PDB file of all heavy atoms in Angstrom:
ATOM      1  N   ILE A   1       0.861  -1.240  -0.010  1.00  0.00           N
ATOM      2  CA  ILE A   1       0.011   0.001  -0.038  1.00  0.00           C
ATOM      3  C   ILE A   1       0.896   1.258   0.007  1.00  0.00           C
ATOM      4  O   ILE A   1       0.590   2.209  -0.760  1.00  0.00           O
ATOM      5  CB  ILE A   1      -0.956  -0.037   1.201  1.00  0.00           C
ATOM      6  CG1 ILE A   1      -2.021  -1.160   1.017  1.00  0.00           C
ATOM      7  CG2 ILE A   1      -1.637   1.294   1.378  1.00  0.00           C
ATOM      8  CD1 ILE A   1      -2.817  -1.387   2.223  1.00  0.00           C
ATOM      9  N   TYR A   2       1.915   1.249   0.805  1.00  0.00           N
ATOM     10  CA  TYR A   2       2.852   2.380   0.838  1.00  0.00           C
ATOM     11  C   TYR A   2       3.506   2.655  -0.540  1.00  0.00           C
ATOM     12  O   TYR A   2       3.504   3.789  -0.974  1.00  0.00           O
ATOM     13  CB  TYR A   2       3.911   2.145   1.928  1.00  0.00           C
ATOM     14  CG  TYR A   2       5.096   3.120   1.826  1.00  0.00           C
ATOM     15  CD1 TYR A   2       4.975   4.395   2.333  1.00  0.00           C
ATOM     16  CD2 TYR A   2       6.285   2.707   1.256  1.00  0.00           C
ATOM     17  CE1 TYR A   2       6.026   5.289   2.193  1.00  0.00           C
ATOM     18  CE2 TYR A   2       7.346   3.637   1.137  1.00  0.00           C
ATOM     19  CZ  TYR A   2       7.197   4.895   1.668  1.00  0.00           C
ATOM     20  OH  TYR A   2       8.258   5.780   1.562  1.00  0.00           O
ATOM     21  N   LYS A   3       3.925   1.626  -1.199  1.00  0.00           N
ATOM     22  CA  LYS A   3       4.599   1.778  -2.504  1.00  0.00           C
ATOM     23  C   LYS A   3       3.568   2.273  -3.541  1.00  0.00           C
ATOM     24  O   LYS A   3       3.857   3.075  -4.386  1.00  0.00           O
ATOM     25  CB  LYS A   3       5.213   0.433  -2.968  1.00  0.00           C
ATOM     26  CG  LYS A   3       6.420   0.051  -2.193  1.00  0.00           C
ATOM     27  CD  LYS A   3       7.576   1.014  -2.375  1.00  0.00           C
ATOM     28  CE  LYS A   3       8.257   0.842  -3.695  1.00  0.00           C
ATOM     29  NZ  LYS A   3       9.413   1.691  -3.877  1.00  0.00           N
ATOM     30  N   SER A   4       2.332   1.758  -3.411  1.00  0.00           N
ATOM     31  CA  SER A   4       1.311   2.187  -4.345  1.00  0.00           C
ATOM     32  C   SER A   4       0.975   3.682  -4.209  1.00  0.00           C
ATOM     33  O   SER A   4       0.841   4.418  -5.161  1.00  0.00           O
ATOM     34  CB  SER A   4       0.047   1.364  -4.116  1.00  0.00           C
ATOM     35  OG  SER A   4      -0.997   1.813  -4.920  1.00  0.00           O
ATOM     36  N   VAL A   5       0.847   4.113  -2.955  1.00  0.00           N
ATOM     37  CA  VAL A   5       0.581   5.547  -2.669  1.00  0.00           C
ATOM     38  C   VAL A   5       1.765   6.388  -3.148  1.00  0.00           C
ATOM     39  O   VAL A   5       1.611   7.448  -3.733  1.00  0.00           O
ATOM     40  CB  VAL A   5       0.263   5.757  -1.208  1.00  0.00           C
ATOM     41  CG1 VAL A   5       0.242   7.236  -0.869  1.00  0.00           C
ATOM     42  CG2 VAL A   5      -1.073   5.114  -0.831  1.00  0.00           C
ATOM     43  N   LYS A   6       3.003   5.952  -2.855  1.00  0.00           N
ATOM     44  CA  LYS A   6       4.165   6.711  -3.239  1.00  0.00           C
ATOM     45  C   LYS A   6       4.277   6.805  -4.770  1.00  0.00           C
ATOM     46  O   LYS A   6       4.518   7.897  -5.285  1.00  0.00           O
ATOM     47  CB  LYS A   6       5.406   6.004  -2.679  1.00  0.00           C
ATOM     48  CG  LYS A   6       6.701   6.746  -2.979  1.00  0.00           C
ATOM     49  CD  LYS A   6       7.920   6.002  -2.399  1.00  0.00           C
ATOM     50  CE  LYS A   6       9.188   6.726  -2.813  1.00  0.00           C
ATOM     51  NZ  LYS A   6      10.326   5.926  -2.441  1.00  0.00           N
ATOM     52  N   ASN A   7       4.015   5.676  -5.494  1.00  0.00           N
ATOM     53  CA  ASN A   7       4.075   5.741  -6.921  1.00  0.00           C
ATOM     54  C   ASN A   7       2.991   6.595  -7.535  1.00  0.00           C
ATOM     55  O   ASN A   7       3.188   7.295  -8.533  1.00  0.00           O
ATOM     56  CB  ASN A   7       3.982   4.320  -7.513  1.00  0.00           C
ATOM     57  CG  ASN A   7       5.279   3.596  -7.350  1.00  0.00           C
ATOM     58  OD1 ASN A   7       6.343   4.144  -7.137  1.00  0.00           O
ATOM     59  ND2 ASN A   7       5.144   2.262  -7.299  1.00  0.00           N
ATOM     60  N   SER A   8       1.813   6.603  -6.965  1.00  0.00           N
ATOM     61  CA  SER A   8       0.742   7.432  -7.478  1.00  0.00           C
ATOM     62  C   SER A   8       1.021   8.935  -7.261  1.00  0.00           C
ATOM     63  O   SER A   8       0.658   9.719  -8.057  1.00  0.00           O
ATOM     64  CB  SER A   8      -0.646   7.031  -6.905  1.00  0.00           C
ATOM     65  OG  SER A   8      -0.659   7.351  -5.509  1.00  0.00           O
ATOM     66  N   LYS A   9       1.643   9.265  -6.150  1.00  0.00           N
ATOM     67  CA  LYS A   9       2.013  10.661  -5.877  1.00  0.00           C
ATOM     68  C   LYS A   9       3.083  11.098  -6.831  1.00  0.00           C
ATOM     69  O   LYS A   9       3.146  12.272  -7.219  1.00  0.00           O
ATOM     70  CB  LYS A   9       2.460  10.816  -4.441  1.00  0.00           C
ATOM     71  CG  LYS A   9       1.346  10.802  -3.478  1.00  0.00           C
ATOM     72  CD  LYS A   9       1.861  11.080  -2.046  1.00  0.00           C
ATOM     73  CE  LYS A   9       0.707  11.096  -1.052  1.00  0.00           C
ATOM     74  NZ  LYS A   9       1.229  11.326   0.313  1.00  0.00           N
ATOM     75  N   GLU A  10       3.981  10.190  -7.259  1.00  0.00           N
ATOM     76  CA  GLU A  10       5.051  10.533  -8.177  1.00  0.00           C
ATOM     77  C   GLU A  10       4.589  10.475  -9.635  1.00  0.00           C
ATOM     78  O   GLU A  10       5.289  10.826 -10.531  1.00  0.00           O
ATOM     79  CB  GLU A  10       6.197   9.572  -7.999  1.00  0.00           C
ATOM     80  CG  GLU A  10       6.909   9.777  -6.716  1.00  0.00           C
ATOM     81  CD  GLU A  10       8.084   8.773  -6.531  1.00  0.00           C
ATOM     82  OE1 GLU A  10       8.240   7.909  -7.340  1.00  0.00           O
ATOM     83  OE2 GLU A  10       8.764   8.909  -5.493  1.00  0.00           O
ATOM     84  N   GLY A  11       3.355  10.082  -9.856  1.00  0.00           N
ATOM     85  CA  GLY A  11       2.810  10.065 -11.215  1.00  0.00           C
ATOM     86  C   GLY A  11       3.113   8.770 -11.970  1.00  0.00           C
ATOM     87  O   GLY A  11       2.915   8.730 -13.180  1.00  0.00           O
ATOM     88  N   LYS A  12       3.640   7.765 -11.327  1.00  0.00           N
ATOM     89  CA  LYS A  12       3.942   6.518 -12.019  1.00  0.00           C
ATOM     90  C   LYS A  12       2.722   5.657 -12.044  1.00  0.00           C
ATOM     91  O   LYS A  12       1.941   5.604 -11.118  1.00  0.00           O
ATOM     92  CB  LYS A  12       5.024   5.753 -11.257  1.00  0.00           C
ATOM     93  CG  LYS A  12       6.327   6.469 -11.196  1.00  0.00           C
ATOM     94  CD  LYS A  12       7.333   5.653 -10.420  1.00  0.00           C
ATOM     95  CE  LYS A  12       8.663   6.396 -10.294  1.00  0.00           C
ATOM     96  NZ  LYS A  12       9.601   5.622  -9.480  1.00  0.00           N
ATOM     97  N   HIS A  13       2.488   5.031 -13.202  1.00  0.00           N
ATOM     98  CA  HIS A  13       1.349   4.149 -13.358  1.00  0.00           C
ATOM     99  C   HIS A  13       1.942   2.703 -13.412  1.00  0.00           C
ATOM    100  O   HIS A  13       2.582   2.323 -14.341  1.00  0.00           O
ATOM    101  CB  HIS A  13       0.608   4.395 -14.681  1.00  0.00           C
ATOM    102  CG  HIS A  13      -0.469   3.432 -14.977  1.00  0.00           C
ATOM    103  ND1 HIS A  13      -1.579   3.354 -14.175  1.00  0.00           N
ATOM    104  CD2 HIS A  13      -0.587   2.469 -15.892  1.00  0.00           C
ATOM    105  CE1 HIS A  13      -2.383   2.404 -14.638  1.00  0.00           C
ATOM    106  NE2 HIS A  13      -1.805   1.857 -15.714  1.00  0.00           N
ATOM    107  N   MET A  14       1.630   1.889 -12.370  1.00  0.00           N
ATOM    108  CA  MET A  14       2.237   0.571 -12.282  1.00  0.00           C
ATOM    109  C   MET A  14       1.109  -0.494 -12.409  1.00  0.00           C
ATOM    110  O   MET A  14       1.326  -1.637 -12.052  1.00  0.00           O
ATOM    111  CB  MET A  14       2.944   0.429 -10.897  1.00  0.00           C
ATOM    112  CG  MET A  14       3.994   1.373 -10.688  1.00  0.00           C
ATOM    113  SD  MET A  14       5.325   1.359 -11.896  1.00  0.00           S
ATOM    114  CE  MET A  14       6.065  -0.172 -11.502  1.00  0.00           C
ATOM    115  N   GLY A  15      -0.067  -0.150 -12.873  1.00  0.00           N
ATOM    116  CA  GLY A  15      -1.140  -1.063 -12.866  1.00  0.00           C
ATOM    117  C   GLY A  15      -1.164  -2.071 -14.030  1.00  0.00           C
ATOM    118  O   GLY A  15      -1.900  -3.042 -13.987  1.00  0.00           O
ATOM    119  N   CYS A  16      -0.307  -1.931 -15.020  1.00  0.00           N
ATOM    120  CA  CYS A  16      -0.363  -2.804 -16.164  1.00  0.00           C
ATOM    121  C   CYS A  16       1.070  -3.274 -16.407  1.00  0.00           C
ATOM    122  O   CYS A  16       1.957  -2.530 -16.702  1.00  0.00           O
ATOM    123  CB  CYS A  16      -0.861  -2.020 -17.385  1.00  0.00           C
ATOM    124  SG  CYS A  16      -0.974  -3.057 -18.868  1.00  0.00           S
ATOM    125  N   ALA A  17       1.244  -4.602 -16.357  1.00  0.00           N
ATOM    126  CA  ALA A  17       2.551  -5.182 -16.540  1.00  0.00           C
ATOM    127  C   ALA A  17       2.423  -6.260 -17.631  1.00  0.00           C
ATOM    128  O   ALA A  17       1.548  -7.076 -17.567  1.00  0.00           O
ATOM    129  CB  ALA A  17       3.099  -5.746 -15.285  1.00  0.00           C
ATOM    130  N   GLY A  18       3.338  -6.262 -18.520  1.00  0.00           N
ATOM    131  CA  GLY A  18       3.372  -7.326 -19.514  1.00  0.00           C
ATOM    132  C   GLY A  18       2.470  -7.112 -20.686  1.00  0.00           C
ATOM    133  O   GLY A  18       1.946  -5.920 -20.930  1.00  0.00           O
ATOM    134  N   CYS A  19       2.197  -8.084 -21.488  1.00  0.00           N
ATOM    135  CA  CYS A  19       1.450  -7.988 -22.704  1.00  0.00           C
ATOM    136  C   CYS A  19       0.146  -8.700 -22.625  1.00  0.00           C
ATOM    137  O   CYS A  19      -0.209  -9.457 -23.523  1.00  0.00           O
ATOM    138  CB  CYS A  19       2.284  -8.560 -23.898  1.00  0.00           C
ATOM    139  SG  CYS A  19       3.792  -7.602 -24.140  1.00  0.00           S
ATOM    140  N   SER A  20      -0.578  -8.485 -21.555  1.00  0.00           N
ATOM    141  CA  SER A  20      -1.854  -9.230 -21.398  1.00  0.00           C
ATOM    142  C   SER A  20      -2.937  -8.667 -22.319  1.00  0.00           C
ATOM    143  O   SER A  20      -3.843  -9.422 -22.661  1.00  0.00           O
ATOM    144  CB  SER A  20      -2.285  -9.210 -19.919  1.00  0.00           C
ATOM    145  OG  SER A  20      -2.562  -7.868 -19.550  1.00  0.00           O
ATOM    146  N   GLY A  21      -2.883  -7.437 -22.596  1.00  0.00           N
ATOM    147  CA  GLY A  21      -3.894  -6.816 -23.429  1.00  0.00           C
ATOM    148  C   GLY A  21      -5.160  -6.452 -22.668  1.00  0.00           C
ATOM    149  O   GLY A  21      -6.108  -5.996 -23.241  1.00  0.00           O
ATOM    150  N   ASN A  22      -5.090  -6.597 -21.387  1.00  0.00           N
ATOM    151  CA  ASN A  22      -6.314  -6.304 -20.543  1.00  0.00           C
ATOM    152  C   ASN A  22      -6.312  -4.875 -20.037  1.00  0.00           C
ATOM    153  O   ASN A  22      -7.307  -4.445 -19.478  1.00  0.00           O
ATOM    154  CB  ASN A  22      -6.368  -7.258 -19.361  1.00  0.00           C
ATOM    155  CG  ASN A  22      -6.589  -8.673 -19.821  1.00  0.00           C
ATOM    156  OD1 ASN A  22      -7.246  -8.920 -20.819  1.00  0.00           O
ATOM    157  ND2 ASN A  22      -6.087  -9.648 -19.089  1.00  0.00           N
ATOM    158  N   CYS A  23      -5.275  -4.144 -20.172  1.00  0.00           N
ATOM    159  CA  CYS A  23      -5.159  -2.851 -19.607  1.00  0.00           C
ATOM    160  C   CYS A  23      -5.286  -1.830 -20.738  1.00  0.00           C
ATOM    161  O   CYS A  23      -4.457  -1.730 -21.589  1.00  0.00           O
ATOM    162  CB  CYS A  23      -3.809  -2.673 -18.886  1.00  0.00           C
ATOM    163  SG  CYS A  23      -3.598  -1.082 -18.091  1.00  0.00           S
ATOM    164  N   GLY A  24      -6.328  -1.038 -20.706  1.00  0.00           N
ATOM    165  CA  GLY A  24      -6.594  -0.055 -21.758  1.00  0.00           C
ATOM    166  C   GLY A  24      -5.637   1.155 -21.756  1.00  0.00           C
ATOM    167  O   GLY A  24      -5.418   1.762 -22.781  1.00  0.00           O
ATOM    168  N   SER A  25      -4.995   1.472 -20.637  1.00  0.00           N
ATOM    169  CA  SER A  25      -4.150   2.625 -20.607  1.00  0.00           C
ATOM    170  C   SER A  25      -2.734   2.301 -21.003  1.00  0.00           C
ATOM    171  O   SER A  25      -1.924   3.240 -21.065  1.00  0.00           O
ATOM    172  CB  SER A  25      -4.224   3.251 -19.217  1.00  0.00           C
ATOM    173  OG  SER A  25      -3.670   2.349 -18.268  1.00  0.00           O
ATOM    174  N   CYS A  26      -2.402   1.087 -21.237  1.00  0.00           N
ATOM    175  CA  CYS A  26      -1.023   0.720 -21.629  1.00  0.00           C
ATOM    176  C   CYS A  26      -0.925   0.637 -23.142  1.00  0.00           C
ATOM    177  O   CYS A  26      -1.723   0.043 -23.790  1.00  0.00           O
ATOM    178  CB  CYS A  26      -0.629  -0.564 -21.007  1.00  0.00           C
ATOM    179  SG  CYS A  26      -0.437  -0.534 -19.254  1.00  0.00           S
ATOM    180  N   GLY A  27       0.135   1.235 -23.695  1.00  0.00           N
ATOM    181  CA  GLY A  27       0.422   1.121 -25.138  1.00  0.00           C
ATOM    182  C   GLY A  27       1.061  -0.206 -25.410  1.00  0.00           C
ATOM    183  O   GLY A  27       0.658  -0.929 -26.315  1.00  0.00           O
TER     184      GLY A  27
END
């Protein structure tokens, strides 16, 4: 939770990893 809050405050988007194709915000 701490890392998630810290990354969101820094503007990093860590919600999509890999090539699953399920994340609409990832190119």
